[in-house]
């Protein structure tokens, strides 16, 4: 994901198009369904415990960042 973001940013820069990525795993209905079908892919309690918030991320945790990155003010 990071390499793709960098390549896209370099490719679109001449057209003044910004490319950003938010690299945060968020618990959503889709990820819950995916994890329920593949129990071996579920994050362990230990993995969750090392997160500063003690839980997986939620979409609302990164919503403000996504809005900021979409604004012209973030280009500076």
N, C-alpha and C. Protein backbone atom coordinates (compact mmCIF):
# COMPACT_ATOMS: atom_id res chain seq x y z
N UNK A 1 0.83 -1.19 0.00
CA UNK A 1 0.00 0.00 0.00
C UNK A 1 0.87 1.26 0.00
N UNK A 2 1.93 1.24 0.81
CA UNK A 2 2.80 2.42 0.90
C UNK A 2 3.52 2.65 -0.42
N UNK A 3 4.04 1.58 -1.02
CA UNK A 3 4.75 1.71 -2.29
C UNK A 3 3.79 2.18 -3.39
N UNK A 4 2.59 1.64 -3.43
CA UNK A 4 1.60 2.07 -4.41
C UNK A 4 1.29 3.56 -4.25
N UNK A 5 1.13 4.00 -3.01
CA UNK A 5 0.85 5.41 -2.75
C UNK A 5 1.99 6.30 -3.23
N UNK A 6 3.23 5.89 -2.95
CA UNK A 6 4.39 6.68 -3.41
C UNK A 6 4.46 6.73 -4.93
N UNK A 7 4.24 5.60 -5.58
CA UNK A 7 4.28 5.57 -7.05
C UNK A 7 3.19 6.45 -7.65
N UNK A 8 1.99 6.36 -7.10
CA UNK A 8 0.90 7.19 -7.60
C UNK A 8 1.18 8.67 -7.37
N UNK A 9 1.76 9.01 -6.22
CA UNK A 9 2.08 10.40 -5.92
C UNK A 9 3.11 10.93 -6.92
N UNK A 10 4.13 10.14 -7.22
CA UNK A 10 5.15 10.57 -8.19
C UNK A 10 4.58 10.69 -9.59
N UNK A 11 3.71 9.77 -9.95
CA UNK A 11 3.12 9.77 -11.28
C UNK A 11 2.16 10.93 -11.49
N UNK A 12 1.39 11.28 -10.49
CA UNK A 12 0.37 12.32 -10.64
C UNK A 12 0.85 13.71 -10.25
N UNK A 13 2.03 13.82 -9.66
CA UNK A 13 2.55 15.11 -9.21
C UNK A 13 2.61 16.14 -10.33
N UNK A 14 3.04 15.80 -11.56
CA UNK A 14 3.08 16.82 -12.62
C UNK A 14 1.71 17.42 -12.93
N UNK A 15 0.64 16.71 -12.60
CA UNK A 15 -0.71 17.22 -12.83
C UNK A 15 -1.29 17.88 -11.58
N UNK A 16 -0.41 18.08 -10.58
CA UNK A 16 -0.81 18.73 -9.33
C UNK A 16 -1.91 17.94 -8.59
N UNK A 17 -1.79 16.62 -8.64
CA UNK A 17 -2.73 15.76 -7.94
C UNK A 17 -2.02 15.17 -6.74
N UNK A 18 -2.58 15.38 -5.55
CA UNK A 18 -2.00 14.83 -4.33
C UNK A 18 -2.52 13.42 -4.11
N UNK A 19 -1.65 12.57 -3.60
CA UNK A 19 -2.04 11.21 -3.26
C UNK A 19 -1.58 10.94 -1.83
N UNK A 20 -2.49 10.49 -1.00
CA UNK A 20 -2.19 10.16 0.39
C UNK A 20 -2.78 8.80 0.72
N UNK A 21 -2.27 8.21 1.75
CA UNK A 21 -2.84 6.95 2.25
C UNK A 21 -2.91 7.02 3.77
N UNK A 22 -3.95 6.43 4.30
CA UNK A 22 -4.08 6.30 5.74
C UNK A 22 -3.90 4.82 6.03
N UNK A 23 -2.79 4.49 6.64
CA UNK A 23 -2.46 3.08 6.88
C UNK A 23 -2.91 2.69 8.28
N UNK A 24 -4.16 2.46 8.42
CA UNK A 24 -4.72 2.12 9.73
C UNK A 24 -5.75 1.02 9.52
N UNK A 25 -5.58 -0.09 10.21
CA UNK A 25 -6.57 -1.16 10.14
C UNK A 25 -7.75 -0.75 10.99
N UNK A 26 -8.93 -0.72 10.39
CA UNK A 26 -10.13 -0.33 11.12
C UNK A 26 -11.11 -1.50 11.16
N UNK A 27 -11.76 -1.61 12.28
CA UNK A 27 -12.79 -2.63 12.44
C UNK A 27 -14.08 -2.10 11.83
N UNK A 28 -14.52 -2.75 10.79
CA UNK A 28 -15.76 -2.38 10.11
C UNK A 28 -16.59 -3.65 9.94
N UNK A 29 -17.78 -3.51 9.43
CA UNK A 29 -18.61 -4.68 9.17
C UNK A 29 -17.90 -5.62 8.20
N UNK A 30 -17.26 -5.07 7.18
CA UNK A 30 -16.54 -5.89 6.20
C UNK A 30 -15.38 -6.65 6.84
N UNK A 31 -14.58 -5.99 7.68
CA UNK A 31 -13.46 -6.69 8.30
C UNK A 31 -13.96 -7.72 9.32
N UNK A 32 -15.05 -7.42 10.01
CA UNK A 32 -15.62 -8.40 10.93
C UNK A 32 -16.08 -9.66 10.18
N UNK A 33 -16.74 -9.47 9.03
CA UNK A 33 -17.18 -10.61 8.23
C UNK A 33 -15.98 -11.41 7.74
N UNK A 34 -14.95 -10.72 7.27
CA UNK A 34 -13.75 -11.38 6.77
C UNK A 34 -13.06 -12.18 7.87
N UNK A 35 -12.94 -11.59 9.05
CA UNK A 35 -12.27 -12.27 10.17
C UNK A 35 -13.10 -13.45 10.67
N UNK A 36 -14.44 -13.36 10.57
CA UNK A 36 -15.26 -14.48 11.04
C UNK A 36 -15.14 -15.67 10.11
N UNK A 37 -14.84 -15.43 8.84
CA UNK A 37 -14.68 -16.52 7.87
C UNK A 37 -13.28 -17.12 7.92
N UNK A 38 -12.33 -16.39 8.45
CA UNK A 38 -10.95 -16.87 8.53
C UNK A 38 -10.42 -16.61 9.93
N UNK A 39 -10.76 -17.46 10.88
CA UNK A 39 -10.35 -17.23 12.28
C UNK A 39 -8.85 -17.06 12.46
N UNK A 40 -8.05 -17.67 11.61
CA UNK A 40 -6.60 -17.53 11.75
C UNK A 40 -6.11 -16.14 11.39
N UNK A 41 -6.96 -15.32 10.79
CA UNK A 41 -6.60 -13.95 10.44
C UNK A 41 -7.04 -12.95 11.49
N UNK A 42 -7.72 -13.40 12.51
CA UNK A 42 -8.17 -12.50 13.57
C UNK A 42 -6.97 -12.00 14.35
N UNK A 43 -6.99 -10.71 14.71
CA UNK A 43 -5.90 -10.21 15.55
C UNK A 43 -5.99 -10.84 16.93
N UNK A 44 -4.87 -11.23 17.46
CA UNK A 44 -4.85 -11.84 18.79
C UNK A 44 -5.11 -10.78 19.85
N UNK A 45 -5.50 -11.24 21.02
CA UNK A 45 -5.71 -10.30 22.13
C UNK A 45 -4.42 -9.57 22.46
N UNK A 46 -3.29 -10.25 22.29
CA UNK A 46 -1.99 -9.61 22.54
C UNK A 46 -1.75 -8.47 21.54
N UNK A 47 -2.08 -8.73 20.27
CA UNK A 47 -1.90 -7.69 19.24
C UNK A 47 -2.79 -6.49 19.53
N UNK A 48 -4.00 -6.74 19.97
CA UNK A 48 -4.92 -5.65 20.30
C UNK A 48 -4.41 -4.90 21.53
N UNK A 49 -3.88 -5.63 22.49
CA UNK A 49 -3.42 -5.01 23.74
C UNK A 49 -2.26 -4.04 23.52
N UNK A 50 -1.46 -4.24 22.49
CA UNK A 50 -0.33 -3.34 22.27
C UNK A 50 -0.73 -2.04 21.57
N UNK A 51 -1.97 -1.98 21.08
CA UNK A 51 -2.44 -0.73 20.51
C UNK A 51 -2.59 0.28 21.64
N UNK A 52 -2.18 1.51 21.42
CA UNK A 52 -2.29 2.51 22.49
C UNK A 52 -3.70 2.66 23.06
N UNK A 53 -4.72 2.46 22.21
CA UNK A 53 -6.09 2.60 22.68
C UNK A 53 -6.65 1.30 23.24
N UNK A 54 -5.88 0.20 23.12
CA UNK A 54 -6.35 -1.07 23.63
C UNK A 54 -7.46 -1.70 22.82
N UNK A 55 -7.61 -1.26 21.58
CA UNK A 55 -8.65 -1.81 20.70
C UNK A 55 -8.24 -1.54 19.26
N UNK A 56 -8.93 -2.19 18.35
CA UNK A 56 -8.70 -1.90 16.93
C UNK A 56 -9.26 -0.53 16.61
N UNK A 57 -8.80 0.04 15.52
CA UNK A 57 -9.31 1.34 15.10
C UNK A 57 -10.74 1.25 14.61
N UNK A 58 -11.38 2.37 14.58
CA UNK A 58 -12.74 2.49 14.05
C UNK A 58 -12.71 3.55 12.97
N UNK A 59 -13.61 3.47 12.00
CA UNK A 59 -13.61 4.47 10.93
C UNK A 59 -13.66 5.91 11.45
N UNK A 60 -14.40 6.14 12.51
CA UNK A 60 -14.50 7.51 13.04
C UNK A 60 -13.18 8.00 13.62
N UNK A 61 -12.27 7.06 13.94
CA UNK A 61 -10.96 7.46 14.44
C UNK A 61 -10.12 8.16 13.37
N UNK A 62 -10.35 7.83 12.12
CA UNK A 62 -9.54 8.40 11.03
C UNK A 62 -10.35 9.31 10.12
N UNK A 63 -11.62 9.48 10.39
CA UNK A 63 -12.48 10.29 9.53
C UNK A 63 -11.98 11.73 9.41
N UNK A 64 -11.60 12.34 10.53
CA UNK A 64 -11.11 13.72 10.50
C UNK A 64 -9.85 13.86 9.67
N UNK A 65 -8.96 12.88 9.78
CA UNK A 65 -7.73 12.89 8.98
C UNK A 65 -8.05 12.80 7.50
N UNK A 66 -8.98 11.93 7.14
CA UNK A 66 -9.36 11.78 5.74
C UNK A 66 -9.94 13.09 5.18
N UNK A 67 -10.78 13.75 5.98
CA UNK A 67 -11.35 15.03 5.55
C UNK A 67 -10.25 16.07 5.39
N UNK A 68 -9.33 16.12 6.35
CA UNK A 68 -8.23 17.09 6.26
C UNK A 68 -7.39 16.86 5.02
N UNK A 69 -7.03 15.62 4.73
CA UNK A 69 -6.19 15.32 3.56
C UNK A 69 -6.88 15.67 2.25
N UNK A 70 -8.21 15.68 2.24
CA UNK A 70 -8.96 16.02 1.03
C UNK A 70 -9.04 17.53 0.82
N UNK A 71 -8.71 18.32 1.81
CA UNK A 71 -8.81 19.78 1.71
C UNK A 71 -7.54 20.39 1.15
N UNK A 72 -7.69 21.53 0.53
CA UNK A 72 -6.53 22.26 -0.03
C UNK A 72 -5.53 22.66 1.06
N UNK A 73 -6.00 22.88 2.28
CA UNK A 73 -5.12 23.30 3.36
C UNK A 73 -4.03 22.26 3.67
N UNK A 74 -4.24 21.03 3.29
CA UNK A 74 -3.25 19.98 3.58
C UNK A 74 -2.11 19.95 2.58
N UNK A 75 -2.17 20.76 1.55
CA UNK A 75 -1.15 20.70 0.50
C UNK A 75 0.14 21.40 0.88
N UNK A 76 0.15 22.17 1.94
CA UNK A 76 1.31 22.96 2.33
C UNK A 76 2.30 22.16 3.01
